[in-house]
N, C-alpha and C. Protein backbone atom coordinates (compact mmCIF):
# COMPACT_ATOMS: atom_id res chain seq x y z
N MET A 1 0.79 -12.17 -13.18
CA MET A 1 0.97 -11.30 -12.12
C MET A 1 1.05 -10.30 -12.96
N SER A 2 -0.18 -9.27 -12.49
CA SER A 2 0.26 -7.90 -12.87
C SER A 2 0.51 -7.02 -12.11
N PHE A 3 1.02 -6.14 -11.74
CA PHE A 3 1.17 -5.06 -10.50
C PHE A 3 0.78 -3.27 -11.37
N PRO A 4 0.51 -2.81 -10.18
CA PRO A 4 0.29 -0.94 -10.30
C PRO A 4 1.60 -0.61 -11.12
N VAL A 5 1.34 -0.11 -11.93
CA VAL A 5 2.33 0.68 -12.90
C VAL A 5 3.18 1.66 -11.63
N ALA A 6 2.06 2.72 -11.02
CA ALA A 6 2.56 3.60 -9.95
C ALA A 6 3.28 2.91 -9.02
N ALA A 7 2.69 1.60 -8.55
CA ALA A 7 3.44 1.17 -7.49
C ALA A 7 4.96 0.82 -7.90
N SER A 8 4.90 0.06 -8.95
CA SER A 8 6.04 -0.25 -9.50
C SER A 8 6.79 0.59 -9.53
N LEU A 9 6.84 1.75 -10.70
CA LEU A 9 7.57 3.02 -10.72
C LEU A 9 8.07 3.53 -9.30
N ALA A 10 7.29 3.53 -7.92
CA ALA A 10 7.74 4.18 -7.01
C ALA A 10 8.50 3.46 -6.14
N PHE A 11 8.48 1.98 -6.48
CA PHE A 11 9.73 1.35 -5.75
C PHE A 11 10.82 1.45 -6.34
N LEU A 12 10.66 1.82 -7.90
CA LEU A 12 12.29 1.63 -8.45
C LEU A 12 12.64 2.73 -8.09
N ASP A 13 12.18 3.96 -8.39
CA ASP A 13 12.54 5.65 -7.52
C ASP A 13 13.13 5.10 -6.41
N VAL A 14 12.59 4.05 -5.26
CA VAL A 14 13.40 4.26 -4.17
C VAL A 14 14.64 3.58 -4.29
N ALA A 15 14.28 2.78 -5.11
CA ALA A 15 15.64 1.60 -5.20
C ALA A 15 16.60 2.32 -5.99
N LYS A 16 16.21 3.33 -6.67
CA LYS A 16 17.38 4.19 -7.04
C LYS A 16 18.03 5.16 -6.47
N SER A 17 17.37 5.46 -5.57
CA SER A 17 17.49 6.98 -4.87
C SER A 17 18.77 6.41 -3.62
N GLU A 18 18.12 4.65 -3.20
CA GLU A 18 19.37 4.58 -2.31
C GLU A 18 20.12 3.50 -2.86
N LEU A 19 20.66 3.12 -3.86
CA LEU A 19 21.37 2.06 -4.26
C LEU A 19 22.33 3.16 -5.41
N GLY A 20 23.97 2.80 -5.42
CA GLY A 20 24.71 3.15 -6.31
C GLY A 20 24.23 2.71 -7.74
N ALA A 21 24.94 4.05 -8.46
CA ALA A 21 24.45 3.33 -10.15
C ALA A 21 24.92 2.13 -10.36
N GLU A 22 25.77 1.29 -9.90
CA GLU A 22 26.05 -0.13 -10.44
C GLU A 22 25.04 -0.89 -9.80
N SER A 23 24.38 -0.63 -8.32
CA SER A 23 24.05 -1.96 -7.84
C SER A 23 22.64 -1.56 -8.35
N TYR A 24 22.08 -0.46 -9.03
CA TYR A 24 21.03 -0.18 -9.41
C TYR A 24 20.59 -1.03 -11.14
N LYS A 25 21.91 -0.84 -11.50
CA LYS A 25 22.06 -1.57 -12.64
C LYS A 25 21.66 -2.95 -12.48
N GLN A 26 22.41 -3.42 -11.70
CA GLN A 26 22.49 -5.45 -11.08
C GLN A 26 21.21 -5.22 -10.71
N PHE A 27 20.51 -4.35 -10.21
CA PHE A 27 18.78 -4.75 -10.03
C PHE A 27 18.06 -4.97 -11.04
N LEU A 28 18.50 -3.80 -11.91
CA LEU A 28 17.24 -3.87 -13.13
C LEU A 28 17.81 -5.15 -13.86
N ASP A 29 18.89 -5.30 -13.91
CA ASP A 29 19.25 -6.81 -14.37
C ASP A 29 18.31 -7.84 -14.12
N LEU A 30 18.35 -7.79 -12.26
CA LEU A 30 17.62 -9.23 -12.02
C LEU A 30 16.30 -9.28 -12.25
N LEU A 31 15.70 -8.04 -12.23
CA LEU A 31 14.50 -7.91 -12.80
C LEU A 31 14.09 -8.44 -14.07
N SER A 32 14.80 -8.20 -15.04
CA SER A 32 14.86 -8.10 -16.27
C SER A 32 14.90 -9.91 -16.91
N GLN A 33 16.34 -10.39 -16.00
CA GLN A 33 16.48 -11.70 -16.21
C GLN A 33 15.36 -12.39 -15.77
N TYR A 34 14.72 -12.02 -14.66
CA TYR A 34 13.70 -12.83 -14.00
C TYR A 34 12.00 -12.62 -14.90
N ARG A 35 12.18 -11.76 -15.55
CA ARG A 35 10.99 -11.67 -16.47
C ARG A 35 11.24 -12.51 -17.73
N VAL A 36 12.28 -13.09 -18.02
CA VAL A 36 12.78 -13.64 -19.30
C VAL A 36 12.46 -14.92 -18.90
N GLU A 37 12.68 -15.66 -17.72
CA GLU A 37 13.26 -16.97 -17.49
C GLU A 37 11.64 -17.62 -16.45
N ARG A 38 11.15 -16.34 -16.14
CA ARG A 38 9.79 -16.76 -16.24
C ARG A 38 8.37 -17.28 -17.27
N VAL A 39 9.24 -16.32 -18.41
CA VAL A 39 8.44 -16.98 -19.48
C VAL A 39 8.73 -18.43 -20.02
N SER A 40 10.01 -18.79 -20.04
CA SER A 40 10.57 -19.41 -20.50
C SER A 40 10.54 -20.84 -19.63
N ALA A 41 10.64 -20.97 -18.41
CA ALA A 41 10.65 -21.63 -17.14
C ALA A 41 10.97 -23.17 -17.47
N THR A 42 12.10 -23.06 -18.53
CA THR A 42 12.46 -24.28 -18.72
C THR A 42 13.61 -25.00 -17.53
N ASP A 43 13.91 -23.93 -16.73
CA ASP A 43 15.02 -24.31 -15.53
C ASP A 43 14.29 -25.16 -14.49
N PRO A 44 15.00 -25.99 -14.12
CA PRO A 44 14.32 -26.80 -12.85
C PRO A 44 14.14 -25.76 -11.49
N ASP A 45 15.21 -25.14 -11.41
CA ASP A 45 14.96 -23.99 -10.23
C ASP A 45 14.36 -22.93 -10.67
N PRO A 46 13.23 -23.05 -9.87
CA PRO A 46 12.32 -21.88 -10.06
C PRO A 46 13.06 -20.16 -10.09
N PRO A 47 12.70 -19.53 -11.26
CA PRO A 47 13.05 -18.29 -11.37
C PRO A 47 12.91 -17.27 -10.25
N THR A 48 11.53 -17.77 -9.46
CA THR A 48 11.51 -16.58 -8.29
C THR A 48 12.46 -16.89 -7.18
N VAL A 49 12.83 -18.31 -7.07
CA VAL A 49 14.01 -18.46 -5.83
C VAL A 49 15.10 -18.04 -6.09
N ARG A 50 15.48 -17.73 -7.94
CA ARG A 50 16.70 -16.99 -7.97
C ARG A 50 16.71 -15.45 -8.11
N LEU A 51 15.32 -15.42 -8.64
CA LEU A 51 14.91 -13.91 -8.08
C LEU A 51 15.18 -13.22 -6.65
N LEU A 52 14.94 -13.92 -5.90
CA LEU A 52 14.85 -13.56 -4.55
C LEU A 52 16.27 -13.57 -4.01
N SER A 53 16.69 -14.74 -4.53
CA SER A 53 18.52 -14.92 -3.80
C SER A 53 19.16 -13.85 -3.80
N GLY A 54 19.19 -13.44 -5.36
CA GLY A 54 19.87 -12.51 -5.94
C GLY A 54 19.45 -11.02 -5.16
N VAL A 55 18.16 -10.71 -5.13
CA VAL A 55 18.12 -9.44 -4.34
C VAL A 55 18.36 -9.74 -2.83
N SER A 56 18.28 -10.50 -2.39
CA SER A 56 19.23 -10.75 -0.69
C SER A 56 20.50 -10.45 -0.95
N ASP A 57 21.60 -10.85 -1.89
CA ASP A 57 22.55 -10.66 -1.79
C ASP A 57 22.77 -9.04 -2.02
N LEU A 58 21.81 -8.61 -3.06
CA LEU A 58 22.31 -7.37 -3.78
C LEU A 58 22.03 -6.20 -2.81
N LEU A 59 20.46 -6.57 -2.17
CA LEU A 59 19.71 -5.49 -1.27
C LEU A 59 20.38 -5.76 -0.17
N ASN A 60 21.31 -6.49 0.60
CA ASN A 60 21.15 -6.93 1.91
C ASN A 60 21.47 -5.48 2.78
N GLY A 61 21.16 -5.13 3.94
CA GLY A 61 21.43 -3.87 4.24
C GLY A 61 20.22 -2.50 3.97
N HIS A 62 19.47 -3.14 3.02
CA HIS A 62 18.46 -2.18 2.74
C HIS A 62 17.00 -2.46 3.21
N PRO A 63 16.73 -2.92 4.02
CA PRO A 63 15.46 -3.40 5.11
C PRO A 63 14.05 -3.26 3.93
N ALA A 64 14.01 -1.80 3.40
CA ALA A 64 12.86 -1.30 3.01
C ALA A 64 12.45 -2.05 2.06
N LEU A 65 13.77 -2.03 1.06
CA LEU A 65 14.01 -2.39 0.02
C LEU A 65 13.65 -4.35 -0.34
N LEU A 66 14.17 -4.75 0.71
CA LEU A 66 13.80 -5.92 0.79
C LEU A 66 12.83 -6.60 1.20
N THR A 67 12.01 -5.89 2.04
CA THR A 67 10.71 -6.33 2.45
C THR A 67 9.61 -5.51 1.27
N GLY A 68 10.29 -4.83 0.81
CA GLY A 68 9.37 -4.18 -0.42
C GLY A 68 9.06 -5.00 -1.42
N MET A 69 10.39 -6.03 -1.80
CA MET A 69 9.72 -7.02 -2.75
C MET A 69 9.07 -7.72 -2.68
N ASN A 70 8.24 -8.13 -1.78
CA ASN A 70 7.40 -9.06 -1.46
C ASN A 70 6.31 -8.42 -2.10
N GLN A 71 5.82 -7.47 -2.68
CA GLN A 71 4.21 -6.97 -3.30
C GLN A 71 4.44 -7.04 -4.38
N PHE A 72 5.85 -8.05 -5.03
CA PHE A 72 6.06 -8.14 -6.28
C PHE A 72 6.52 -9.37 -6.37
N VAL A 73 6.24 -10.56 -5.81
CA VAL A 73 6.19 -12.29 -5.82
C VAL A 73 5.09 -12.62 -5.63
N PRO A 74 4.86 -13.57 -6.28
CA PRO A 74 4.04 -14.73 -6.08
C PRO A 74 3.49 -15.27 -4.93
N GLY A 75 2.60 -15.76 -4.37
CA GLY A 75 1.94 -16.01 -3.20
C GLY A 75 2.92 -17.56 -2.62
N GLY A 76 3.45 -17.30 -1.30
CA GLY A 76 4.41 -18.58 -1.00
C GLY A 76 5.60 -18.28 -1.12
N PHE A 77 6.02 -17.06 -1.32
CA PHE A 77 7.37 -16.47 -1.71
C PHE A 77 7.22 -15.53 -0.68
N SER A 78 8.34 -14.97 -0.03
CA SER A 78 8.48 -13.46 0.53
C SER A 78 10.04 -13.40 1.22
N ILE A 79 10.31 -12.09 1.13
CA ILE A 79 11.49 -12.16 2.15
C ILE A 79 11.77 -11.39 3.64
N ALA A 80 12.07 -11.49 4.48
CA ALA A 80 12.29 -11.28 5.92
C ALA A 80 13.53 -10.78 6.42
N CYS A 81 13.70 -9.76 6.88
CA CYS A 81 15.03 -9.28 7.34
C CYS A 81 15.13 -8.92 8.81
N SER A 82 16.09 -8.61 9.10
CA SER A 82 16.42 -8.00 10.31
C SER A 82 16.22 -6.54 10.43
N VAL A 83 16.21 -5.84 11.35
CA VAL A 83 15.98 -3.83 11.31
C VAL A 83 16.91 -3.72 10.39
N ASP A 84 18.20 -4.47 10.44
CA ASP A 84 19.75 -4.03 9.84
C ASP A 84 19.92 -4.04 8.38
N GLY A 85 18.73 -5.38 8.44
CA GLY A 85 18.86 -5.85 7.08
C GLY A 85 20.03 -6.78 6.52
N LYS A 86 20.69 -7.16 7.60
CA LYS A 86 21.82 -8.07 7.76
C LYS A 86 21.91 -9.33 7.42
N ALA A 87 20.50 -9.76 7.80
CA ALA A 87 20.08 -11.05 8.09
C ALA A 87 18.95 -11.14 7.31
N VAL A 88 18.99 -11.92 6.47
CA VAL A 88 17.92 -12.13 5.60
C VAL A 88 17.22 -13.70 5.22
N THR A 89 16.17 -13.40 5.31
CA THR A 89 15.36 -15.04 5.19
C THR A 89 14.65 -14.79 3.88
N VAL A 90 14.33 -15.87 2.90
CA VAL A 90 13.94 -16.34 1.73
C VAL A 90 13.21 -17.21 2.36
N ASN A 91 11.82 -16.86 2.03
CA ASN A 91 10.90 -17.88 2.30
C ASN A 91 10.04 -18.59 1.00
N THR A 92 10.09 -19.82 0.70
CA THR A 92 9.27 -20.57 -0.47
C THR A 92 8.63 -21.40 -0.06
N PRO A 93 7.72 -21.65 -1.14
CA PRO A 93 6.86 -23.40 -0.81
C PRO A 93 7.67 -24.17 -0.58
N MET A 94 8.71 -24.24 -0.72
CA MET A 94 9.84 -25.49 -0.44
C MET A 94 10.57 -25.60 0.97
N GLY A 95 10.27 -23.65 1.27
CA GLY A 95 11.72 -24.08 2.84
C GLY A 95 11.78 -22.60 2.95
N SER A 96 12.77 -22.20 3.94
CA SER A 96 13.26 -20.97 3.66
C SER A 96 14.80 -20.82 4.19
N SER A 97 15.24 -19.88 3.67
CA SER A 97 16.48 -20.20 4.27
C SER A 97 17.29 -19.04 4.70
N THR A 98 18.00 -18.67 5.55
CA THR A 98 18.33 -17.40 5.94
C THR A 98 19.98 -17.05 5.63
N GLN A 99 20.23 -15.71 5.07
CA GLN A 99 21.70 -15.70 5.04
C GLN A 99 22.03 -14.54 5.71
N THR A 100 23.28 -14.34 6.50
CA THR A 100 23.41 -13.20 7.19
C THR A 100 24.39 -12.93 6.53
N TYR A 101 25.00 -10.93 6.29
CA TYR A 101 26.12 -10.52 5.63
C TYR A 101 26.61 -9.66 6.27
N PRO A 102 27.96 -9.63 6.62
CA PRO A 102 28.70 -9.18 6.86
C PRO A 102 28.45 -7.50 7.60
């Protein structure tokens, strides 16, 4: 899966401006880990599921960032959230799960 560089960089700029330095670093770490895991793919838990779970935990409260991640995940996977970004649903080909954050 390949993404337009401009769209990827624009998304990262928005994430950097909305997140604090530590959260942004954690976000980049999640993306980097996902890239490595997708290549090796030896773990039974699909890397995309772990990415979306980590993104949900990190980006809750940032609805534009949560839904913006949808442009970067494979078909069949998506994130949906409430207007305030505190109720996050991760949809996968295996089903959906919703997490509510304080």
